[in-house]
């Protein structure tokens, strides 16, 4: 009996400590992971609550995927460029941070995240480059506040400019949005103005790739016209889609105006019918009152004498 009691007293503290460790692990894993929307080899998007109580975003926010794609494609890096010519000394063009494949992957997920986020949450994302490129994944966060979208790159190529330049500006990134990066900057984007602009043109991607061997100069020459042709075709398709969306928006507005006019005409018609019925009833009432109040004819004096 004594041995059983001794074994029980020893096991109870052990079980309690194991339960406590398991509970702490569940709490820590839940806080670190947030609400995951997707997590694949290509990347992931999830929601995370901000510990800073002064933070309050305008969430949930509804931004269409086309505008999100313009935002992702419009961020680029121009380190070493001349501000007047927007070209570097060596003639290198500005480098886009995200590729078309990245934009296609991120756009629907980021739009979904902003629509589901709470005022105290950020939308975090992670996207990996193409297989075999050797680049590290790019991570960042975004949130909507006071009519602007705030996008911060924590790990990866830092953004320096945006296309079009009039739709965004940069400012130092807050600690809760920088993922621990000290020199991070936040891109403040006017997504309302961006919705009416065409899709940014295709640019080279600012990602480092391993250089195992140097390709001959002759082999690189035929690729240039193919890249420019594909870029022009993509820009033409984007302009065509933007024009179609604008036409559809105008058609919807015209249809709404027509429906409103028809509704007003119906209301006026019903009002006129009601007025006509009321007037008809008044006329009938007046006629009936005249019939009942008609005076009896008086007899002449001669007729009154004869009757006597």
Protein backbone atom coordinates (compact mmCIF):
# COMPACT_ATOMS: atom_id res chain seq x y z
CA UNK A 1 0.00 0.00 0.00
CA UNK A 2 2.84 2.41 0.86
CA UNK A 3 4.59 1.69 -2.43
CA UNK A 4 1.37 2.40 -4.38
CA UNK A 5 0.88 5.73 -2.62
CA UNK A 6 4.49 6.66 -3.19
CA UNK A 7 4.22 5.83 -6.92
CA UNK A 8 1.01 7.89 -7.18
CA UNK A 9 2.59 10.93 -5.52
CA UNK A 10 5.53 10.73 -7.90
CA UNK A 11 3.41 10.31 -11.05
CA UNK A 12 1.02 13.21 -10.32
CA UNK A 13 3.68 15.98 -10.58
CA UNK A 14 5.08 14.37 -13.73
CA UNK A 15 1.66 14.21 -15.40
CA UNK A 16 0.88 17.78 -14.41
CA UNK A 17 4.17 19.04 -15.87
CA UNK A 18 3.61 17.11 -19.11
CA UNK A 19 0.10 18.54 -19.48
CA UNK A 20 1.42 22.04 -18.80
CA UNK A 21 4.15 21.67 -21.45
CA UNK A 22 1.65 20.39 -24.01
CA UNK A 23 -0.73 23.27 -23.31
CA UNK A 24 2.08 25.83 -23.67
CA UNK A 25 3.16 24.23 -26.94
CA UNK A 26 -0.38 24.46 -28.32
CA UNK A 27 -0.67 28.12 -27.30
CA UNK A 28 2.71 29.03 -28.79
CA UNK A 29 2.04 27.21 -32.06
CA UNK A 30 -1.38 28.83 -32.36
CA UNK A 31 0.01 32.33 -31.81
CA UNK A 32 2.93 31.85 -34.20
CA UNK A 33 0.95 30.37 -37.06
CA UNK A 34 -2.05 32.70 -37.05
CA UNK A 35 -4.93 31.91 -39.38
CA UNK A 36 -3.49 30.21 -42.43
CA UNK A 37 -5.26 30.71 -45.75
CA UNK A 38 -2.80 28.60 -47.74
CA UNK A 39 0.60 26.98 -47.25
CA UNK A 40 2.24 25.29 -50.24
CA UNK A 41 5.71 24.87 -51.69
CA UNK A 42 5.15 28.01 -53.75
CA UNK A 43 4.26 30.14 -50.73
CA UNK A 44 1.73 30.90 -48.06
CA UNK A 45 -0.69 33.58 -46.85
CA UNK A 46 -2.02 33.88 -43.32
CA UNK A 47 -3.50 36.38 -40.86
CA UNK A 48 -1.67 37.45 -37.72
CA UNK A 49 -2.84 39.65 -34.84
CA UNK A 50 -0.71 42.71 -34.04
CA UNK A 51 0.38 42.97 -30.41
CA UNK A 52 0.56 46.78 -30.61
CA UNK A 53 -2.76 48.00 -29.18
CA UNK A 54 -2.50 51.33 -31.03
CA UNK A 55 -2.74 49.51 -34.37
CA UNK A 56 -6.17 49.48 -36.03
CA UNK A 57 -6.63 48.67 -39.70
CA UNK A 58 -9.65 49.26 -41.95
CA UNK A 59 -10.44 45.57 -42.12
CA UNK A 60 -12.18 43.72 -43.59
CA UNK A 61 -11.33 45.46 -46.88
CA UNK A 62 -12.64 44.51 -50.32
CA UNK A 63 -10.12 45.04 -53.15
CA UNK A 64 -10.54 43.21 -56.46
CA UNK A 65 -7.87 40.81 -57.72
CA UNK A 66 -7.02 42.97 -60.75
CA UNK A 67 -6.06 45.90 -58.49
CA UNK A 68 -4.07 43.55 -56.21
CA UNK A 69 -2.22 42.25 -59.28
CA UNK A 70 -1.37 45.84 -60.29
CA UNK A 71 0.01 46.42 -56.79
CA UNK A 72 2.15 43.27 -56.84
CA UNK A 73 3.46 43.97 -60.34
CA UNK A 74 3.99 47.68 -59.67
CA UNK A 75 6.62 47.27 -56.93
CA UNK A 76 10.20 47.45 -58.19
CA UNK A 77 13.74 48.15 -57.09
CA UNK A 78 15.88 50.88 -58.65
CA UNK A 79 18.99 50.99 -56.47
CA UNK A 80 21.86 52.80 -58.20
CA UNK A 81 19.57 54.60 -60.64
CA UNK A 82 19.82 58.20 -61.69
CA UNK A 83 16.72 60.02 -60.39
CA UNK A 84 16.33 62.22 -63.49
CA UNK A 85 16.56 59.50 -66.11
CA UNK A 86 15.28 56.61 -64.00
CA UNK A 87 18.07 54.53 -65.54
CA UNK A 88 21.27 53.33 -63.95
CA UNK A 89 24.66 54.41 -65.24
CA UNK A 90 25.16 51.06 -66.92
CA UNK A 91 21.81 51.23 -68.71
CA UNK A 92 20.12 48.61 -66.50
CA UNK A 93 16.34 48.91 -66.36
CA UNK A 94 14.38 48.93 -63.06
CA UNK A 95 13.83 45.45 -61.69
CA UNK A 96 10.44 44.16 -60.66
CA UNK A 97 10.38 42.42 -57.28
CA UNK A 98 7.59 39.95 -58.14
CA UNK A 99 7.20 38.00 -61.36
CA UNK A 100 3.94 37.43 -63.24
CA UNK A 101 3.80 33.95 -61.72
CA UNK A 102 4.15 35.44 -58.24
CA UNK A 103 1.40 37.98 -58.97
CA UNK A 104 -0.91 35.24 -60.26
CA UNK A 105 -0.31 33.23 -57.10
CA UNK A 106 -0.57 36.08 -54.59
CA UNK A 107 -3.41 38.21 -56.01
CA UNK A 108 -6.43 36.01 -55.15
CA UNK A 109 -4.96 35.00 -51.78
CA UNK A 110 -4.15 38.55 -50.71
CA UNK A 111 -7.60 39.75 -51.77
CA UNK A 112 -9.13 36.91 -49.75
CA UNK A 113 -6.93 37.73 -46.75
CA UNK A 114 -7.90 41.42 -46.72
CA UNK A 115 -11.58 40.46 -46.97
CA UNK A 116 -11.27 38.11 -43.96
CA UNK A 117 -8.88 40.14 -41.79
CA UNK A 118 -10.00 41.84 -38.58
CA UNK A 119 -9.03 45.42 -37.60
CA UNK A 120 -6.26 44.10 -35.34
CA UNK A 121 -4.76 41.71 -37.92
CA UNK A 122 -2.13 41.90 -40.68
CA UNK A 123 -2.04 39.83 -43.87
CA UNK A 124 1.34 38.08 -44.06
CA UNK A 125 2.64 36.35 -47.19
CA UNK A 126 5.58 34.26 -48.32
CA UNK A 127 6.40 33.44 -51.93
CA UNK A 128 9.28 31.39 -53.28
CA UNK A 129 11.01 31.94 -56.59
CA UNK A 130 11.06 29.41 -59.41
CA UNK A 131 12.66 26.06 -58.66
CA UNK A 132 16.42 26.04 -59.09
CA UNK A 133 16.86 29.81 -59.04
CA UNK A 134 18.66 29.82 -55.72
CA UNK A 135 16.81 32.87 -54.37
CA UNK A 136 15.45 32.94 -50.84
CA UNK A 137 11.69 33.32 -50.34
CA UNK A 138 10.30 36.84 -50.21
CA UNK A 139 8.16 37.62 -47.16
CA UNK A 140 6.08 40.64 -46.31
CA UNK A 141 2.87 42.04 -44.90
CA UNK A 142 0.07 44.33 -45.97
CA UNK A 143 -2.94 46.04 -44.46
CA UNK A 144 -5.46 48.75 -45.37
CA UNK A 145 -5.76 51.94 -43.35
CA UNK A 146 -7.49 55.25 -44.10
CA UNK A 147 -8.00 54.56 -47.82
CA UNK A 148 -4.44 53.38 -48.53
CA UNK A 149 -2.78 49.98 -48.71
CA UNK A 150 0.45 49.55 -46.73
CA UNK A 151 2.80 46.88 -48.12
CA UNK A 152 6.12 46.00 -46.47
CA UNK A 153 8.81 43.57 -47.67
CA UNK A 154 10.53 41.97 -44.68
CA UNK A 155 12.89 39.49 -46.35
CA UNK A 156 13.95 39.75 -49.97
CA UNK A 157 14.66 42.61 -52.36
CA UNK A 158 13.60 45.89 -50.78
CA UNK A 159 11.19 48.08 -52.81
CA UNK A 160 12.33 51.58 -53.70
CA UNK A 161 9.72 52.78 -56.25
CA UNK A 162 6.29 52.04 -57.63
CA UNK A 163 4.65 52.19 -61.04
CA UNK A 164 2.89 54.53 -61.54
CA UNK A 165 4.90 56.83 -59.28
CA UNK A 166 1.95 59.13 -58.53
CA UNK A 167 -0.01 56.29 -56.87
CA UNK A 168 2.42 55.49 -54.04
CA UNK A 169 5.17 56.71 -51.74
CA UNK A 170 7.54 55.09 -49.26
CA UNK A 171 7.96 55.59 -45.53
CA UNK A 172 9.82 53.77 -42.73
CA UNK A 173 8.19 50.49 -41.87
CA UNK A 174 6.77 49.96 -38.36
CA UNK A 175 8.26 47.13 -36.33
CA UNK A 176 5.09 45.02 -36.37
CA UNK A 177 5.03 44.97 -40.21
CA UNK A 178 8.75 44.46 -40.96
CA UNK A 179 9.19 40.85 -39.79
CA UNK A 180 12.31 41.82 -37.82
CA UNK A 181 14.01 43.66 -40.71
CA UNK A 182 15.80 46.80 -39.55
CA UNK A 183 16.01 48.69 -42.87
CA UNK A 184 12.54 47.80 -44.15
CA UNK A 185 10.35 50.40 -45.85
CA UNK A 186 6.60 50.47 -46.32
CA UNK A 187 5.02 51.23 -49.69
CA UNK A 188 1.87 53.35 -49.12
CA UNK A 189 -0.36 52.80 -52.17
CA UNK A 190 -3.50 54.67 -53.22
CA UNK A 191 -5.36 51.64 -54.54
CA UNK A 192 -8.44 53.69 -55.49
CA UNK A 193 -6.42 55.70 -58.02
CA UNK A 194 -4.58 52.55 -59.11
CA UNK A 195 -7.83 50.81 -60.07
CA UNK A 196 -8.24 53.10 -63.12
CA UNK A 197 -4.68 52.72 -64.43
CA UNK A 198 -3.43 50.07 -66.88
CA UNK A 199 -1.43 47.06 -65.75
CA UNK A 200 2.32 47.81 -65.32
CA UNK A 201 4.51 46.75 -68.22
CA UNK A 202 6.67 43.66 -67.93
CA UNK A 203 10.13 44.30 -66.48
CA UNK A 204 13.10 42.11 -65.48
CA UNK A 205 12.77 40.46 -62.09
CA UNK A 206 15.12 41.54 -59.29
CA UNK A 207 16.12 38.08 -58.08
CA UNK A 208 19.57 36.59 -57.81
CA UNK A 209 20.22 33.41 -59.79
CA UNK A 210 23.24 31.09 -59.57
CA UNK A 211 25.82 31.66 -62.31
CA UNK A 212 27.28 28.22 -62.94
CA UNK A 213 28.41 29.00 -66.47
CA UNK A 214 28.49 32.06 -68.72
CA UNK A 215 26.34 31.71 -71.82
CA UNK A 216 27.82 32.81 -75.18
CA UNK A 217 26.88 36.26 -76.39
CA UNK A 218 25.58 34.92 -79.71
CA UNK A 219 23.10 32.60 -77.96
CA UNK A 220 21.64 35.49 -75.96
CA UNK A 221 20.85 37.69 -78.98
CA UNK A 222 17.73 35.84 -80.29
CA UNK A 223 16.04 36.02 -76.88
CA UNK A 224 15.67 39.82 -76.91
CA UNK A 225 12.98 40.14 -79.59
CA UNK A 226 11.01 37.29 -77.98
CA UNK A 227 11.01 39.06 -74.61
CA UNK A 228 9.96 42.39 -76.12
CA UNK A 229 7.25 40.72 -78.20
CA UNK A 230 5.84 38.86 -75.21
CA UNK A 231 6.00 42.05 -73.14
CA UNK A 232 4.12 44.00 -75.80
CA UNK A 233 1.54 41.24 -76.15
CA UNK A 234 1.00 41.12 -72.39
CA UNK A 235 0.67 44.90 -72.18
CA UNK A 236 -1.84 44.84 -75.05
CA UNK A 237 -3.89 42.14 -73.33
CA UNK A 238 -3.86 44.08 -70.06
CA UNK A 239 -5.02 47.25 -71.82
CA UNK A 240 -7.75 45.29 -73.59
CA UNK A 241 -8.97 43.79 -70.30
CA UNK A 242 -8.90 47.20 -68.63
CA UNK A 243 -10.94 48.71 -71.48
CA UNK A 244 -13.44 45.84 -71.28
CA UNK A 245 -13.81 46.31 -67.51
CA UNK A 246 -14.39 50.05 -67.98
CA UNK A 247 -17.00 49.38 -70.69
CA UNK A 248 -18.74 46.86 -68.43
CA UNK A 249 -18.74 49.35 -65.57
CA UNK A 250 -20.27 52.05 -67.80
CA UNK A 251 -22.89 49.62 -69.08
CA UNK A 252 -23.84 48.68 -65.52
CA UNK A 253 -24.15 52.34 -64.57
CA UNK A 254 -26.34 53.04 -67.60
CA UNK A 255 -28.52 50.02 -66.78
CA UNK A 256 -28.88 51.22 -63.21
CA UNK A 257 -29.98 54.67 -64.40
CA UNK A 258 -32.53 53.11 -66.76
CA UNK A 259 -33.92 50.95 -63.96
CA UNK A 260 -34.20 54.01 -61.75
CA UNK A 261 -36.05 55.97 -64.45
CA UNK A 262 -38.45 53.07 -65.06
CA UNK A 263 -39.13 52.81 -61.33
CA UNK A 264 -39.90 56.53 -61.13
CA UNK A 265 -42.21 56.34 -64.13
CA UNK A 266 -44.07 53.44 -62.54
CA UNK A 267 -44.51 55.40 -59.33
CA UNK A 268 -45.80 58.44 -61.25
CA UNK A 269 -48.21 56.25 -63.20
CA UNK A 270 -49.58 54.70 -60.03
CA UNK A 271 -49.95 58.14 -58.47
CA UNK A 272 -51.86 59.46 -61.52
CA UNK A 273 -54.17 56.44 -61.50
CA UNK A 274 -54.83 56.96 -57.82
CA UNK A 275 -55.62 60.65 -58.42
CA UNK A 276 -58.00 59.80 -61.26
CA UNK A 277 -59.84 57.28 -59.10
CA UNK A 278 -60.18 59.79 -56.27
CA UNK A 279 -61.53 62.46 -58.62
CA UNK A 280 -63.97 60.01 -60.17
CA UNK A 281 -65.26 59.07 -56.72
CA UNK A 282 -65.64 62.76 -55.81
CA UNK A 283 -67.63 63.47 -58.99
CA UNK A 284 -69.96 60.55 -58.31
CA UNK A 285 -70.49 61.69 -54.73
CA UNK A 286 -71.31 65.21 -55.85
CA UNK A 287 -73.84 63.93 -58.42
CA UNK A 288 -75.57 61.75 -55.88
CA UNK A 289 -75.82 64.64 -53.43
CA UNK A 290 -77.47 66.85 -56.12
CA UNK A 291 -80.10 64.18 -56.84
CA UNK A 292 -81.08 63.83 -53.18
CA UNK A 293 -81.15 67.57 -52.49
CA UNK A 294 -83.27 68.57 -55.55
CA UNK A 295 -86.30 70.78 -54.22
CA UNK A 296 -89.94 69.78 -54.88
CA UNK A 297 -91.81 72.11 -57.31
CA UNK A 298 -94.25 74.60 -55.68
CA UNK A 299 -97.95 74.73 -56.77
CA UNK A 300 -99.47 77.83 -58.31
CA UNK A 301 -102.22 79.86 -56.49
CA UNK A 302 -104.92 78.83 -59.04
CA UNK A 303 -104.12 75.18 -58.59
CA UNK A 304 -104.31 75.59 -54.83
CA UNK A 305 -107.82 77.24 -55.09
CA UNK A 306 -109.22 74.48 -57.31
CA UNK A 307 -108.07 71.83 -54.96
CA UNK A 308 -110.08 73.43 -52.21
